[in-house]
Amino acid sequence: MVKFNQAISLMEAAQESPSLAHLTELTRVSSQRLKLLHTLIPGPLRTTIQAGPIEGTEWCLLVNSNAAAAKLRQMLPALLAHLNTHGHAVEKIRLKILQNSR
């Protein structure tokens, strides 16, 4: 019997739903990848990047400016090599520039 008025945590909900558990795992892996790259990314640039979605062997980084994206594009080969060296099977990193909401 399911209780509809009982609050459950996000982790409990994720364990109950296979699709939510999969999304939770992808989010964890994406954040883990970004954390792994922090040593390669210059300090001021780190705050402009967020971990984005994973689709197969493609990973997306969310960037808040064109300038940050331009610098990251130059670094992509090194970032890919670092990820693959540490066991993450990433063939492509895609950059998405976030729109400013004014």
N, C-alpha and C. Protein backbone atom coordinates (compact mmCIF):
# COMPACT_ATOMS: atom_id res chain seq x y z
N MET A 1 0.83 -1.17 0.00
CA MET A 1 0.00 0.00 0.00
C MET A 1 0.88 1.24 0.00
N VAL A 2 0.62 2.18 -0.90
CA VAL A 2 1.40 3.41 -1.03
C VAL A 2 0.75 4.51 -0.21
N LYS A 3 1.57 5.20 0.56
CA LYS A 3 1.08 6.34 1.34
C LYS A 3 1.37 7.61 0.55
N PHE A 4 0.33 8.35 0.19
CA PHE A 4 0.50 9.54 -0.63
C PHE A 4 0.84 10.78 0.16
N ASN A 5 0.59 10.80 1.45
CA ASN A 5 0.83 11.99 2.26
C ASN A 5 2.17 11.95 2.98
N GLN A 6 2.97 10.97 2.71
CA GLN A 6 4.24 10.83 3.41
C GLN A 6 5.35 11.44 2.55
N ALA A 7 6.11 12.36 3.12
CA ALA A 7 7.22 12.98 2.42
C ALA A 7 8.40 12.01 2.39
N ILE A 8 9.09 11.98 1.26
CA ILE A 8 10.28 11.15 1.14
C ILE A 8 11.41 12.02 0.59
N SER A 9 12.63 11.61 0.84
CA SER A 9 13.78 12.37 0.36
C SER A 9 13.99 12.11 -1.12
N LEU A 10 14.79 12.98 -1.73
CA LEU A 10 15.12 12.82 -3.15
C LEU A 10 15.82 11.50 -3.40
N MET A 11 16.71 11.13 -2.49
CA MET A 11 17.44 9.86 -2.66
C MET A 11 16.49 8.67 -2.59
N GLU A 12 15.50 8.71 -1.70
CA GLU A 12 14.52 7.63 -1.62
C GLU A 12 13.69 7.56 -2.91
N ALA A 13 13.31 8.73 -3.42
CA ALA A 13 12.54 8.77 -4.66
C ALA A 13 13.37 8.21 -5.82
N ALA A 14 14.65 8.54 -5.85
CA ALA A 14 15.53 8.05 -6.91
C ALA A 14 15.67 6.53 -6.86
N GLN A 15 15.71 5.99 -5.67
CA GLN A 15 15.83 4.54 -5.53
C GLN A 15 14.55 3.83 -5.96
N GLU A 16 13.43 4.49 -5.84
CA GLU A 16 12.14 3.90 -6.21
C GLU A 16 11.87 3.95 -7.72
N SER A 17 12.52 4.87 -8.41
CA SER A 17 12.26 5.05 -9.84
C SER A 17 13.54 4.81 -10.64
N PRO A 18 13.57 3.81 -11.50
CA PRO A 18 14.77 3.54 -12.29
C PRO A 18 15.20 4.73 -13.15
N SER A 19 14.25 5.43 -13.76
CA SER A 19 14.63 6.55 -14.62
C SER A 19 15.20 7.71 -13.80
N LEU A 20 14.63 7.98 -12.64
CA LEU A 20 15.16 9.03 -11.77
C LEU A 20 16.52 8.62 -11.21
N ALA A 21 16.69 7.35 -10.90
CA ALA A 21 17.98 6.86 -10.41
C ALA A 21 19.05 7.04 -11.49
N HIS A 22 18.68 6.79 -12.74
CA HIS A 22 19.63 6.96 -13.86
C HIS A 22 20.02 8.43 -14.01
N LEU A 23 19.05 9.34 -13.94
CA LEU A 23 19.33 10.77 -14.04
C LEU A 23 20.20 11.25 -12.88
N THR A 24 19.92 10.73 -11.70
CA THR A 24 20.72 11.09 -10.53
C THR A 24 22.17 10.65 -10.71
N GLU A 25 22.36 9.46 -11.25
CA GLU A 25 23.72 8.95 -11.49
C GLU A 25 24.44 9.78 -12.55
N LEU A 26 23.74 10.16 -13.63
CA LEU A 26 24.36 10.99 -14.67
C LEU A 26 24.76 12.35 -14.11
N THR A 27 23.94 12.91 -13.26
CA THR A 27 24.27 14.20 -12.63
C THR A 27 25.50 14.06 -11.75
N ARG A 28 25.58 12.97 -11.00
CA ARG A 28 26.74 12.74 -10.14
C ARG A 28 28.02 12.60 -10.97
N VAL A 29 27.95 11.83 -12.05
CA VAL A 29 29.12 11.61 -12.91
C VAL A 29 29.55 12.92 -13.58
N SER A 30 28.59 13.70 -14.03
CA SER A 30 28.90 14.97 -14.68
C SER A 30 29.62 15.90 -13.71
N SER A 31 29.14 15.99 -12.49
CA SER A 31 29.79 16.83 -11.47
C SER A 31 31.19 16.30 -11.13
N GLN A 32 31.32 14.99 -11.10
CA GLN A 32 32.61 14.36 -10.83
C GLN A 32 33.62 14.71 -11.93
N ARG A 33 33.16 14.69 -13.17
CA ARG A 33 34.04 15.04 -14.30
C ARG A 33 34.53 16.47 -14.18
N LEU A 34 33.63 17.39 -13.88
CA LEU A 34 34.03 18.79 -13.77
C LEU A 34 35.02 18.97 -12.63
N LYS A 35 34.79 18.30 -11.53
CA LYS A 35 35.71 18.39 -10.39
C LYS A 35 37.11 17.87 -10.78
N LEU A 36 37.15 16.82 -11.56
CA LEU A 36 38.41 16.25 -12.03
C LEU A 36 39.19 17.26 -12.89
N LEU A 37 38.47 18.08 -13.63
CA LEU A 37 39.11 19.05 -14.53
C LEU A 37 39.55 20.33 -13.86
N HIS A 38 39.11 20.58 -12.64
CA HIS A 38 39.41 21.85 -11.97
C HIS A 38 40.89 22.16 -11.91
N THR A 39 41.74 21.15 -11.80
CA THR A 39 43.18 21.42 -11.72
C THR A 39 43.73 21.93 -13.05
N LEU A 40 43.05 21.65 -14.16
CA LEU A 40 43.51 22.09 -15.47
C LEU A 40 42.93 23.44 -15.90
N ILE A 41 41.86 23.85 -15.27
CA ILE A 41 41.17 25.08 -15.66
C ILE A 41 41.66 26.23 -14.78
N PRO A 42 42.07 27.35 -15.40
CA PRO A 42 42.53 28.49 -14.61
C PRO A 42 41.46 28.95 -13.62
N GLY A 43 41.89 29.39 -12.44
CA GLY A 43 41.00 29.79 -11.36
C GLY A 43 39.84 30.68 -11.76
N PRO A 44 40.10 31.83 -12.40
CA PRO A 44 38.99 32.73 -12.74
C PRO A 44 37.97 32.10 -13.71
N LEU A 45 38.42 31.15 -14.50
CA LEU A 45 37.53 30.51 -15.48
C LEU A 45 36.63 29.46 -14.82
N ARG A 46 37.07 28.91 -13.71
CA ARG A 46 36.31 27.84 -13.03
C ARG A 46 34.90 28.27 -12.63
N THR A 47 34.76 29.51 -12.22
CA THR A 47 33.45 29.99 -11.75
C THR A 47 32.47 30.23 -12.89
N THR A 48 32.94 30.19 -14.13
CA THR A 48 32.07 30.44 -15.29
C THR A 48 31.51 29.16 -15.90
N ILE A 49 31.89 28.00 -15.33
CA ILE A 49 31.55 26.71 -15.92
C ILE A 49 30.67 25.90 -14.96
N GLN A 50 29.69 25.21 -15.54
CA GLN A 50 28.86 24.28 -14.78
C GLN A 50 28.84 22.94 -15.51
N ALA A 51 28.70 21.88 -14.76
CA ALA A 51 28.58 20.55 -15.36
C ALA A 51 27.22 20.45 -16.04
N GLY A 52 27.21 19.90 -17.24
CA GLY A 52 25.98 19.76 -18.00
C GLY A 52 25.64 18.31 -18.24
N PRO A 53 24.70 18.07 -19.15
CA PRO A 53 24.22 16.71 -19.39
C PRO A 53 25.24 15.81 -20.09
N ILE A 54 25.08 14.53 -19.86
CA ILE A 54 25.86 13.49 -20.52
C ILE A 54 24.94 12.75 -21.47
N GLU A 55 25.36 12.62 -22.72
CA GLU A 55 24.60 11.86 -23.71
C GLU A 55 25.54 10.87 -24.38
N GLY A 56 25.56 9.67 -23.88
CA GLY A 56 26.47 8.65 -24.42
C GLY A 56 27.90 9.02 -24.11
N THR A 57 28.72 9.18 -25.17
CA THR A 57 30.12 9.54 -24.98
C THR A 57 30.35 11.04 -25.16
N GLU A 58 29.26 11.82 -25.24
CA GLU A 58 29.36 13.27 -25.37
C GLU A 58 28.95 13.91 -24.05
N TRP A 59 29.73 14.91 -23.64
CA TRP A 59 29.45 15.61 -22.39
C TRP A 59 29.34 17.09 -22.68
N CYS A 60 28.44 17.75 -22.03
CA CYS A 60 28.20 19.17 -22.24
C CYS A 60 28.66 19.97 -21.02
N LEU A 61 29.37 21.05 -21.29
CA LEU A 61 29.71 22.00 -20.25
C LEU A 61 28.91 23.27 -20.49
N LEU A 62 28.32 23.80 -19.45
CA LEU A 62 27.54 25.03 -19.54
C LEU A 62 28.45 26.19 -19.14
N VAL A 63 28.55 27.18 -20.03
CA VAL A 63 29.48 28.29 -19.84
C VAL A 63 28.69 29.59 -19.86
N ASN A 64 29.06 30.54 -19.01
CA ASN A 64 28.24 31.74 -18.91
C ASN A 64 28.67 32.91 -19.79
N SER A 65 29.70 32.74 -20.63
CA SER A 65 30.09 33.84 -21.53
C SER A 65 30.79 33.30 -22.77
N ASN A 66 30.75 34.11 -23.82
CA ASN A 66 31.44 33.75 -25.06
C ASN A 66 32.95 33.70 -24.85
N ALA A 67 33.47 34.62 -24.05
CA ALA A 67 34.91 34.66 -23.81
C ALA A 67 35.39 33.40 -23.10
N ALA A 68 34.63 32.95 -22.11
CA ALA A 68 34.99 31.72 -21.39
C ALA A 68 34.91 30.52 -22.33
N ALA A 69 33.90 30.49 -23.18
CA ALA A 69 33.76 29.39 -24.14
C ALA A 69 34.94 29.38 -25.12
N ALA A 70 35.37 30.55 -25.56
CA ALA A 70 36.50 30.62 -26.49
C ALA A 70 37.77 30.06 -25.86
N LYS A 71 38.02 30.41 -24.61
CA LYS A 71 39.20 29.89 -23.91
C LYS A 71 39.09 28.38 -23.71
N LEU A 72 37.90 27.91 -23.34
CA LEU A 72 37.71 26.47 -23.13
C LEU A 72 37.89 25.68 -24.42
N ARG A 73 37.45 26.26 -25.56
CA ARG A 73 37.63 25.56 -26.85
C ARG A 73 39.10 25.26 -27.10
N GLN A 74 39.97 26.18 -26.70
CA GLN A 74 41.41 25.97 -26.86
C GLN A 74 41.92 24.84 -25.98
N MET A 75 41.25 24.62 -24.87
CA MET A 75 41.68 23.62 -23.89
C MET A 75 41.05 22.25 -24.09
N LEU A 76 40.08 22.12 -24.99
CA LEU A 76 39.32 20.88 -25.13
C LEU A 76 40.18 19.63 -25.34
N PRO A 77 41.20 19.67 -26.21
CA PRO A 77 42.00 18.44 -26.37
C PRO A 77 42.65 17.97 -25.06
N ALA A 78 43.16 18.90 -24.28
CA ALA A 78 43.79 18.53 -23.00
C ALA A 78 42.74 18.03 -22.01
N LEU A 79 41.56 18.66 -21.99
CA LEU A 79 40.50 18.24 -21.08
C LEU A 79 40.02 16.83 -21.42
N LEU A 80 39.83 16.57 -22.72
CA LEU A 80 39.42 15.23 -23.16
C LEU A 80 40.45 14.17 -22.78
N ALA A 81 41.70 14.47 -23.03
CA ALA A 81 42.77 13.52 -22.71
C ALA A 81 42.80 13.23 -21.21
N HIS A 82 42.64 14.26 -20.39
CA HIS A 82 42.66 14.09 -18.94
C HIS A 82 41.49 13.22 -18.48
N LEU A 83 40.31 13.47 -19.00
CA LEU A 83 39.14 12.67 -18.64
C LEU A 83 39.34 11.20 -19.01
N ASN A 84 39.81 10.96 -20.22
CA ASN A 84 40.00 9.59 -20.69
C ASN A 84 41.10 8.87 -19.92
N THR A 85 42.13 9.60 -19.54
CA THR A 85 43.21 9.02 -18.74
C THR A 85 42.69 8.56 -17.37
N HIS A 86 41.67 9.25 -16.88
CA HIS A 86 41.10 8.93 -15.56
C HIS A 86 39.84 8.07 -15.64
N GLY A 87 39.66 7.37 -16.77
CA GLY A 87 38.61 6.37 -16.85
C GLY A 87 37.24 6.84 -17.33
N HIS A 88 37.13 8.08 -17.77
CA HIS A 88 35.86 8.58 -18.29
C HIS A 88 35.89 8.49 -19.81
N ALA A 89 35.01 7.72 -20.38
CA ALA A 89 34.97 7.51 -21.84
C ALA A 89 34.22 8.66 -22.50
N VAL A 90 34.93 9.76 -22.70
CA VAL A 90 34.33 10.95 -23.33
C VAL A 90 35.01 11.15 -24.68
N GLU A 91 34.22 11.15 -25.75
CA GLU A 91 34.76 11.37 -27.09
C GLU A 91 34.65 12.83 -27.51
N LYS A 92 33.68 13.54 -26.94
CA LYS A 92 33.46 14.92 -27.34
C LYS A 92 32.93 15.72 -26.15
N ILE A 93 33.45 16.94 -26.00
CA ILE A 93 32.91 17.89 -25.04
C ILE A 93 32.25 19.00 -25.83
N ARG A 94 30.98 19.20 -25.56
CA ARG A 94 30.21 20.25 -26.23
C ARG A 94 30.07 21.41 -25.25
N LEU A 95 30.17 22.63 -25.74
CA LEU A 95 30.02 23.81 -24.90
C LEU A 95 28.70 24.49 -25.22
N LYS A 96 27.96 24.84 -24.20
CA LYS A 96 26.70 25.57 -24.38
C LYS A 96 26.80 26.85 -23.58
N ILE A 97 26.60 27.97 -24.26
CA ILE A 97 26.66 29.26 -23.61
C ILE A 97 25.30 29.59 -23.02
N LEU A 98 25.28 29.85 -21.73
CA LEU A 98 24.03 30.18 -21.05
C LEU A 98 23.64 31.61 -21.36
N GLN A 99 22.37 31.82 -21.60
CA GLN A 99 21.86 33.16 -21.89
C GLN A 99 21.68 33.93 -20.59
N ASN A 100 22.10 35.18 -20.58
CA ASN A 100 21.88 36.02 -19.41
C ASN A 100 20.43 36.45 -19.37
N SER A 101 19.80 36.33 -18.22
CA SER A 101 18.42 36.79 -18.08
C SER A 101 18.42 38.17 -17.43
N ARG A 102 18.10 39.16 -18.20
CA ARG A 102 18.11 40.55 -17.72
C ARG A 102 16.74 41.09 -17.67
